Amino acid sequence: MSGHEPVLDEAVLDAAFPAWQYSASSCCQVDVVSQPITYQEFFLTYLQQNRPCLFGSHVTSHWRSRREWVALDGTPDWETLKQLFGHLTVPVADCKKVEYQAQPKQDMLMAQFLTYWQDLCTRGHPADKPSLYLKDWHFCRSCPDYGAYETPVYFQSDWLNEFWDQQYQGEDDYRFVYMGPKGSWTPFHADVFRSYSWSANVCGCKKWLLFPPGQEEQLRDTTGSLVYDVTSEELLDPVRYPHYSRDTRPLEVVQRAGEVMFVPCGWHHQVYNMEDTISINHNWVNSCNVHMMWRFLQTELGRVQQAISDCTDMEDWHGHCQVILKASSGMNYPEFLDFLTCIADRRLHDMQRWDREGEEHPRRHHHRLDLQRLHSVLCTVMEDQDFQHVSLEVQSKADSLKNNLEKVHL
């Protein structure tokens, strides 16, 4: 299935744009997709509806990583991993420490981390030892020719990595490998830019605590900060967490070896490794959640503006806000326009080529849908009051993109 292209029927073009006022009670379970489904079924049932699901191990059964990184007993193959990657430097978090509401990280040689992990397993994971978690390793950057996995077809419409690959020529991306011992974990959060994520277990087992969009508001303290650990008893303090209720309960999912978790945008989550676990994770954005990415940037800019509201008389205050937005959130308004332009240009080029050659390419309908939604979000961007304060050059680029999109019969 993973070798196929993401193809949609023309009927999808007539579907109403998804309503993103997603109520916390509208999803009460996580579907298990135990048999192959079509890309269009996934698109309509899960992407459009912003619903999580868990794919069975059939999606990853052919991956090289599942053959080579895993011992016969289902645990990590320490020696193979050391031989393949022991010389590489990897980022490692300490799950038992907290700094600035995050787990502090350090760089380690992979061989050093694997030796620690193997020793921890041999000793039975003693509680008095550090819980180190290899996180956010840009594996494809480090090992571009290894071919550890193939992105499943369901997740191939990936604008975020498409843009990053072109913008940074392989120097940055949102494709990661995670490796952690039993008991390591990731604190409560939502994914970057309110992107989707998919996470595949090469080996091991994870427990996911998932909260539908909006429910996280009940997990904020009086300063507006999210709780670090949703299982912490500090939530029971009504003075600090006045909106919390014991009825604020997550959807729990246990993900086993080979299975793939799809996490929709805006779903906050906390994740535990119940066994020694290796996983592959991507963050991604496409036509179904690009509006939420834009809304996220608007919200983050509002926070920046509020933080420096006492400096509004400084020269180019709006420009400084955009600089801070880029530093704090990873993208600002001009780069978001570059993102939209990159995605649109590649699809416009394909459509023009197919028209010249008279080709009914299977991805034509998907491209048309992408272009429709690019036009929709671009119009929203151009109407934003803060966008009016970006440079005239950026505004001119937006006008040009809008004109190019409107020349195409969408």
Protein backbone atom coordinates (compact mmCIF):
# COMPACT_ATOMS: atom_id res chain seq x y z
CA MET A 1 0.00 0.00 0.00
CA SER A 2 2.79 2.43 0.87
CA GLY A 3 4.13 2.46 -2.68
CA HIS A 4 0.89 3.90 -4.07
CA GLU A 5 0.23 7.56 -4.68
CA PRO A 6 -2.32 9.59 -2.69
CA VAL A 7 -5.19 9.73 -5.20
CA LEU A 8 -8.62 11.34 -4.81
CA ASP A 9 -11.78 11.17 -6.92
CA GLU A 10 -13.21 14.32 -8.46
CA ALA A 11 -16.19 14.06 -6.08
CA VAL A 12 -13.93 15.10 -3.20
CA LEU A 13 -13.58 18.53 -4.81
CA ASP A 14 -17.25 19.21 -4.10
CA ALA A 15 -17.00 18.33 -0.41
CA ALA A 16 -17.57 21.17 2.03
CA PHE A 17 -14.47 22.57 3.64
CA PRO A 18 -14.09 21.02 7.10
CA ALA A 19 -15.45 22.99 10.03
CA TRP A 20 -12.61 23.46 12.48
CA GLN A 21 -14.87 24.28 15.43
CA TYR A 22 -14.19 20.78 16.64
CA SER A 23 -16.03 19.95 19.87
CA ALA A 24 -14.29 17.99 22.59
CA SER A 25 -17.09 15.43 22.72
CA SER A 26 -17.30 14.71 18.99
CA CYS A 27 -14.82 11.80 19.11
CA CYS A 28 -15.12 9.24 21.88
CA GLN A 29 -12.94 6.46 20.51
CA VAL A 30 -9.89 5.81 18.37
CA ASP A 31 -10.54 3.49 15.44
CA VAL A 32 -8.20 0.59 14.77
CA VAL A 33 -7.56 0.19 11.03
CA SER A 34 -6.58 -3.45 10.94
CA GLN A 35 -6.97 -3.96 7.18
CA PRO A 36 -5.75 -1.82 4.25
CA ILE A 37 -8.02 1.05 3.27
CA THR A 38 -7.75 3.43 0.34
CA TYR A 39 -6.13 6.82 0.63
CA GLN A 40 -9.50 8.44 -0.11
CA GLU A 41 -11.16 6.53 2.74
CA PHE A 42 -8.47 7.79 5.11
CA PHE A 43 -8.76 11.32 3.71
CA LEU A 44 -12.53 11.54 4.17
CA THR A 45 -12.85 9.65 7.45
CA TYR A 46 -9.80 10.83 9.39
CA LEU A 47 -8.03 13.77 7.74
CA GLN A 48 -11.16 15.77 6.90
CA GLN A 49 -12.81 14.90 10.20
CA ASN A 50 -9.62 15.50 12.23
CA ARG A 51 -10.07 12.12 13.93
CA PRO A 52 -7.25 9.92 15.28
CA CYS A 53 -6.79 6.31 14.29
CA LEU A 54 -4.36 3.44 14.81
CA PHE A 55 -3.14 1.48 11.78
CA GLY A 56 -2.22 -2.17 12.14
CA SER A 57 1.28 -3.52 11.58
CA HIS A 58 0.51 -4.37 7.94
CA VAL A 59 1.49 -0.78 7.10
CA THR A 60 5.11 -1.25 8.24
CA SER A 61 5.72 -4.98 7.72
CA HIS A 62 8.09 -4.43 4.77
CA TRP A 63 10.30 -1.76 6.41
CA ARG A 64 14.02 -2.32 6.55
CA SER A 65 14.16 -0.91 10.09
CA ARG A 66 11.76 -3.58 11.34
CA ARG A 67 14.00 -6.27 9.89
CA GLU A 68 17.39 -4.91 10.92
CA TRP A 69 16.86 -2.92 14.13
CA VAL A 70 14.92 -5.57 16.04
CA ALA A 71 16.21 -8.79 17.63
CA LEU A 72 14.32 -12.09 17.40
CA ASP A 73 12.74 -11.51 20.81
CA GLY A 74 11.26 -8.17 19.68
CA THR A 75 13.70 -5.97 21.61
CA PRO A 76 16.17 -3.50 20.06
CA ASP A 77 19.12 -5.20 18.35
CA TRP A 78 21.87 -3.40 20.24
CA GLU A 79 24.82 -4.71 18.26
CA THR A 80 23.32 -3.97 14.86
CA LEU A 81 22.35 -0.47 15.94
CA LYS A 82 25.87 0.16 17.26
CA GLN A 83 27.47 -1.11 14.05
CA LEU A 84 25.19 0.99 11.85
CA PHE A 85 24.92 4.22 13.84
CA GLY A 86 27.27 4.07 16.84
CA HIS A 87 29.54 6.80 15.44
CA LEU A 88 26.72 9.35 15.06
CA THR A 89 25.84 12.15 17.50
CA VAL A 90 22.22 12.11 18.66
CA PRO A 91 20.01 14.34 20.90
CA VAL A 92 19.07 12.73 24.22
CA ALA A 93 16.57 14.03 26.81
CA ASP A 94 16.56 13.29 30.53
CA CYS A 95 12.97 12.34 31.40
CA LYS A 96 13.54 12.76 35.15
CA LYS A 97 14.55 16.43 34.91
CA VAL A 98 12.52 19.53 34.07
CA GLU A 99 13.91 22.82 32.80
CA TYR A 100 11.61 25.56 31.53
CA GLN A 101 8.69 23.10 31.31
CA ALA A 102 10.70 20.71 29.12
CA GLN A 103 13.04 17.78 29.45
CA PRO A 104 16.62 19.06 29.09
CA LYS A 105 18.63 17.62 26.21
CA GLN A 106 22.27 16.87 25.54
CA ASP A 107 24.17 15.45 22.59
CA MET A 108 25.64 11.96 22.94
CA LEU A 109 27.35 9.46 20.71
CA MET A 110 24.83 6.82 19.70
CA ALA A 111 27.20 4.09 20.94
CA GLN A 112 27.25 5.74 24.38
CA PHE A 113 23.46 5.97 24.50
CA LEU A 114 23.01 2.35 23.39
CA THR A 115 25.48 1.14 26.02
CA TYR A 116 23.51 3.02 28.70
CA TRP A 117 20.21 1.60 27.39
CA GLN A 118 21.45 -1.99 27.17
CA ASP A 119 22.89 -1.78 30.69
CA LEU A 120 19.59 -0.35 31.98
CA CYS A 121 17.70 -3.29 30.46
CA THR A 122 20.16 -5.82 31.87
CA ARG A 123 19.64 -4.36 35.35
CA GLY A 124 15.84 -4.48 35.02
CA HIS A 125 15.26 -0.72 34.56
CA PRO A 126 16.10 0.34 38.16
CA ALA A 127 14.18 3.41 39.33
CA ASP A 128 17.28 5.15 40.69
CA LYS A 129 18.93 5.37 37.26
CA PRO A 130 18.45 8.24 34.77
CA SER A 131 15.70 7.81 32.18
CA LEU A 132 17.37 8.95 28.97
CA TYR A 133 15.31 9.25 25.79
CA LEU A 134 16.76 9.74 22.30
CA LYS A 135 14.33 12.28 20.84
CA ASP A 136 13.88 14.30 17.68
CA TRP A 137 16.81 12.70 15.86
CA HIS A 138 16.74 13.88 12.24
CA PHE A 139 17.53 10.40 10.98
CA CYS A 140 16.98 11.08 7.28
CA ARG A 141 19.45 13.96 7.45
CA SER A 142 22.03 11.82 9.24
CA CYS A 143 21.55 8.72 7.07
CA PRO A 144 20.01 9.89 3.79
CA ASP A 145 20.83 6.70 1.88
CA TYR A 146 19.88 4.09 4.45
CA GLY A 147 16.18 3.69 3.60
CA ALA A 148 14.89 2.66 7.02
CA TYR A 149 11.23 3.08 6.05
CA GLU A 150 8.79 4.37 3.45
CA THR A 151 6.21 6.99 4.30
CA PRO A 152 2.80 5.26 4.19
CA VAL A 153 0.59 6.50 1.37
CA TYR A 154 -1.87 7.99 3.84
CA PHE A 155 0.70 10.56 4.97
CA GLN A 156 2.42 11.38 1.68
CA SER A 157 0.57 14.65 1.05
CA ASP A 158 3.09 16.38 3.29
CA TRP A 159 3.49 20.09 2.57
CA LEU A 160 5.65 20.75 5.61
CA ASN A 161 8.54 18.48 4.64
CA GLU A 162 8.05 19.29 0.95
CA PHE A 163 8.70 22.95 1.78
CA TRP A 164 11.53 22.27 4.22
CA ASP A 165 13.30 20.00 1.72
CA GLN A 166 13.24 22.76 -0.88
CA GLN A 167 13.89 25.67 1.49
CA TYR A 168 16.75 24.10 3.40
CA GLN A 169 18.05 21.51 0.89
CA GLY A 170 18.03 18.67 3.38
CA GLU A 171 19.56 20.67 6.25
CA ASP A 172 16.33 20.56 8.27
CA ASP A 173 13.04 18.64 8.29
CA TYR A 174 10.26 17.28 10.49
CA ARG A 175 11.17 13.58 10.23
CA PHE A 176 12.42 11.99 13.44
CA VAL A 177 13.53 8.77 15.10
CA TYR A 178 12.86 8.19 18.80
CA MET A 179 14.52 5.50 20.95
CA GLY A 180 13.73 5.11 24.62
CA PRO A 181 13.76 2.62 27.47
CA LYS A 182 10.72 1.41 29.34
CA GLY A 183 9.44 4.28 31.46
CA SER A 184 10.69 7.14 29.25
CA TRP A 185 7.99 9.58 28.20
CA THR A 186 7.01 12.82 26.47
CA PRO A 187 5.17 15.51 28.47
CA PHE A 188 1.79 17.02 27.53
CA HIS A 189 1.91 19.04 24.31
CA ALA A 190 0.43 19.69 20.87
CA ASP A 191 2.56 19.30 17.77
CA VAL A 192 4.53 22.05 16.04
CA PHE A 193 2.46 24.52 13.96
CA ARG A 194 -0.62 22.45 15.00
CA SER A 195 0.53 19.93 12.43
CA TYR A 196 -0.60 16.35 12.09
CA SER A 197 1.78 13.67 13.23
CA TRP A 198 2.20 10.00 12.53
CA SER A 199 4.24 7.70 14.74
CA ALA A 200 5.22 4.13 13.86
CA ASN A 201 6.63 1.69 16.40
CA VAL A 202 9.57 -0.21 14.93
CA CYS A 203 9.56 -2.23 18.16
CA GLY A 204 8.16 -1.86 21.65
CA CYS A 205 4.91 -0.43 22.99
CA LYS A 206 3.58 3.07 23.73
CA LYS A 207 0.61 4.38 25.67
CA TRP A 208 -0.99 7.55 24.31
CA LEU A 209 -3.17 9.93 26.32
CA LEU A 210 -5.08 12.00 23.74
CA PHE A 211 -7.22 15.09 24.39
CA PRO A 212 -9.51 16.43 21.63
CA PRO A 213 -9.10 20.10 20.61
CA GLY A 214 -10.51 22.46 23.21
CA GLN A 215 -10.17 20.10 26.15
CA GLU A 216 -6.65 21.37 26.84
CA GLU A 217 -8.22 24.62 28.10
CA GLN A 218 -9.28 22.74 31.22
CA LEU A 219 -5.62 21.81 31.77
CA ARG A 220 -4.20 25.33 32.00
CA ASP A 221 -3.20 27.07 35.21
CA THR A 222 -4.12 30.62 36.17
CA THR A 223 -1.22 31.97 34.07
CA GLY A 224 -2.49 30.15 30.97
CA SER A 225 0.32 27.57 30.98
CA LEU A 226 -0.47 23.93 30.21
CA VAL A 227 0.13 21.34 32.89
CA TYR A 228 3.44 19.53 32.39
CA ASP A 229 2.12 16.07 33.32
CA VAL A 230 -1.60 15.31 32.93
CA THR A 231 -1.31 12.50 35.51
CA SER A 232 0.06 14.86 38.17
CA GLU A 233 -1.90 15.47 41.36
CA GLU A 234 -1.20 19.20 41.00
CA LEU A 235 -4.24 19.32 38.70
CA LEU A 236 -6.39 18.71 41.78
CA ASP A 237 -5.45 22.16 43.15
CA PRO A 238 -8.53 24.28 42.31
CA VAL A 239 -6.68 27.51 43.01
CA ARG A 240 -3.96 26.81 40.48
CA TYR A 241 -6.14 24.88 37.99
CA PRO A 242 -9.63 26.38 38.39
CA HIS A 243 -10.99 24.90 35.13
CA TYR A 244 -9.93 21.32 35.73
CA SER A 245 -12.58 18.67 36.26
CA ARG A 246 -12.18 14.99 37.07
CA ASP A 247 -14.34 14.42 34.00
CA THR A 248 -11.48 15.76 31.86
CA ARG A 249 -10.28 12.39 30.71
CA PRO A 250 -8.12 11.45 27.75
CA LEU A 251 -8.66 8.81 25.14
CA GLU A 252 -6.12 6.08 25.92
CA VAL A 253 -4.47 4.10 23.14
CA VAL A 254 -1.92 1.31 23.44
CA GLN A 255 0.27 1.10 20.33
CA ARG A 256 2.25 -2.09 19.77
CA ALA A 257 5.14 -3.05 17.51
CA GLY A 258 4.58 -2.23 13.85
CA GLU A 259 1.45 -0.17 14.46
CA VAL A 260 1.12 3.45 13.32
CA MET A 261 -0.65 6.17 15.28
CA PHE A 262 -2.25 9.09 13.43
CA VAL A 263 -2.57 12.17 15.65
CA PRO A 264 -4.76 14.93 14.16
CA CYS A 265 -3.96 18.62 14.47
CA GLY A 266 -4.69 20.34 17.75
CA TRP A 267 -4.98 17.08 19.69
CA HIS A 268 -2.81 17.53 22.79
CA HIS A 269 -1.18 14.34 24.00
CA GLN A 270 1.22 12.71 26.44
CA VAL A 271 3.09 9.52 25.53
CA TYR A 272 4.77 6.76 27.55
CA ASN A 273 7.09 3.98 26.46
CA MET A 274 5.67 0.89 28.16
CA GLU A 275 8.54 -1.23 26.82
CA ASP A 276 11.94 -0.50 25.26
CA THR A 277 10.74 1.25 22.13
CA ILE A 278 11.97 2.60 18.80
CA SER A 279 9.63 4.75 16.75
CA ILE A 280 9.63 6.83 13.57
CA ASN A 281 7.67 10.09 13.62
CA HIS A 282 6.77 12.78 11.10
CA ASN A 283 5.03 16.12 11.54
CA TRP A 284 3.09 17.21 8.46
CA VAL A 285 0.63 19.74 7.09
CA ASN A 286 -1.58 19.62 4.02
CA SER A 287 -4.78 21.04 2.56
CA CYS A 288 -6.88 19.73 5.44
CA ASN A 289 -5.10 21.58 8.24
CA VAL A 290 -3.25 24.48 6.62
CA HIS A 291 -5.94 26.85 7.93
CA MET A 292 -5.15 25.65 11.45
CA MET A 293 -1.46 26.30 10.86
CA TRP A 294 -2.33 29.87 9.88
CA ARG A 295 -4.59 30.28 12.93
CA PHE A 296 -1.73 29.05 15.13
CA LEU A 297 0.61 31.72 13.71
CA GLN A 298 -2.04 34.40 14.28
CA THR A 299 -2.41 33.33 17.90
CA GLU A 300 1.33 33.24 18.47
CA LEU A 301 1.77 36.69 16.92
CA GLY A 302 -0.92 38.00 19.28
CA ARG A 303 1.09 36.68 22.22
CA VAL A 304 4.26 38.33 20.93
CA GLN A 305 2.46 41.63 20.46
CA GLN A 306 1.05 41.49 23.96
CA ALA A 307 4.47 40.69 25.42
CA ILE A 308 6.06 43.82 23.91
CA SER A 309 2.98 46.03 23.89
CA ASP A 310 4.85 48.64 25.95
CA CYS A 311 7.23 49.19 23.00
CA THR A 312 4.74 50.05 20.25
CA ASP A 313 6.38 53.44 19.68
CA MET A 314 9.66 51.81 18.60
CA GLU A 315 10.64 51.99 14.92
CA ASP A 316 9.19 49.10 12.87
CA TRP A 317 7.43 47.53 15.88
CA HIS A 318 5.49 45.20 13.58
CA GLY A 319 8.71 44.06 11.92
CA HIS A 320 10.25 43.28 15.30
CA CYS A 321 7.15 41.26 16.19
CA GLN A 322 7.68 39.15 13.07
CA VAL A 323 11.33 38.55 14.00
CA ILE A 324 10.31 37.40 17.48
CA LEU A 325 7.52 35.23 16.04
CA LYS A 326 10.04 33.45 13.83
CA ALA A 327 12.41 32.90 16.77
CA SER A 328 9.72 31.67 19.16
CA SER A 329 7.47 29.65 16.86
CA GLY A 330 9.70 28.62 13.96
CA MET A 331 7.91 30.62 11.26
CA ASN A 332 6.54 34.13 10.68
CA TYR A 333 4.10 35.67 8.19
CA PRO A 334 6.59 36.24 5.33
CA GLU A 335 7.85 32.64 5.61
CA PHE A 336 4.28 31.33 5.74
CA LEU A 337 3.71 33.08 2.41
CA ASP A 338 6.90 31.45 1.09
CA PHE A 339 5.48 28.13 2.28
CA LEU A 340 2.19 28.67 0.43
CA THR A 341 4.04 29.83 -2.69
CA CYS A 342 6.34 26.80 -2.74
CA ILE A 343 3.44 24.36 -2.50
CA ALA A 344 1.34 26.24 -5.05
CA ASP A 345 4.15 26.67 -7.60
CA ARG A 346 4.91 22.96 -7.75
CA ARG A 347 1.25 22.09 -8.29
CA LEU A 348 0.70 24.84 -10.85
CA HIS A 349 3.75 23.59 -12.75
CA ASP A 350 2.44 20.02 -12.75
CA MET A 351 -1.05 21.08 -13.84
CA GLN A 352 0.34 23.17 -16.72
CA ARG A 353 2.53 20.28 -17.87
CA TRP A 354 -0.33 17.79 -17.73
CA ASP A 355 -2.52 20.21 -19.71
CA ARG A 356 0.14 20.64 -22.39
CA GLU A 357 0.63 16.90 -22.70
CA GLY A 358 -3.07 16.09 -22.47
CA GLU A 359 -2.38 13.79 -19.52
CA GLU A 360 -5.07 12.78 -17.04
CA HIS A 361 -2.64 12.22 -14.21
CA PRO A 362 -4.03 10.34 -11.16
CA ARG A 363 -2.99 13.18 -8.85
CA ARG A 364 -4.78 15.90 -10.84
CA HIS A 365 -7.83 16.02 -8.56
CA HIS A 366 -5.64 16.15 -5.45
CA HIS A 367 -3.66 19.01 -6.96
CA ARG A 368 -6.88 20.87 -7.74
CA LEU A 369 -8.06 20.45 -4.17
CA ASP A 370 -4.68 21.63 -2.87
CA LEU A 371 -4.84 24.72 -5.06
CA GLN A 372 -8.40 25.50 -4.00
CA ARG A 373 -7.45 25.44 -0.36
CA LEU A 374 -4.22 27.34 -0.94
CA HIS A 375 -6.31 30.08 -2.54
CA SER A 376 -8.73 30.02 0.40
CA VAL A 377 -6.05 30.39 3.08
CA LEU A 378 -4.13 32.96 1.03
CA CYS A 379 -7.23 35.17 0.86
CA THR A 380 -7.58 34.84 4.64
CA VAL A 381 -3.92 35.82 5.10
CA MET A 382 -4.23 38.86 2.85
CA GLU A 383 -7.27 40.08 4.79
CA ASP A 384 -5.43 39.89 8.11
CA GLN A 385 -4.71 43.33 9.58
CA ASP A 386 -1.23 42.38 10.74
CA PHE A 387 -0.34 41.12 7.27
CA GLN A 388 -0.94 44.67 6.05
CA HIS A 389 2.16 45.68 8.02
CA VAL A 390 4.61 43.31 6.32
CA SER A 391 6.85 44.78 3.63
CA LEU A 392 5.44 45.90 0.30
CA GLU A 393 7.64 43.27 -1.34
CA VAL A 394 5.92 40.50 0.64
CA GLN A 395 2.48 41.93 -0.12
CA SER A 396 3.38 42.05 -3.80
CA LYS A 397 4.36 38.35 -3.66
CA ALA A 398 0.97 37.59 -2.15
CA ASP A 399 -0.81 39.50 -4.93
CA SER A 400 1.19 37.63 -7.56
CA LEU A 401 0.41 34.24 -6.03
CA LYS A 402 -3.29 35.09 -5.81
CA ASN A 403 -3.33 36.11 -9.47
CA ASN A 404 -1.58 32.88 -10.51
CA LEU A 405 -4.04 30.77 -8.55
CA GLU A 406 -7.03 32.58 -10.01
CA LYS A 407 -5.83 31.93 -13.56
CA VAL A 408 -6.34 28.22 -12.99
CA HIS A 409 -9.81 26.73 -13.32
CA LEU A 410 -10.29 25.43 -9.78
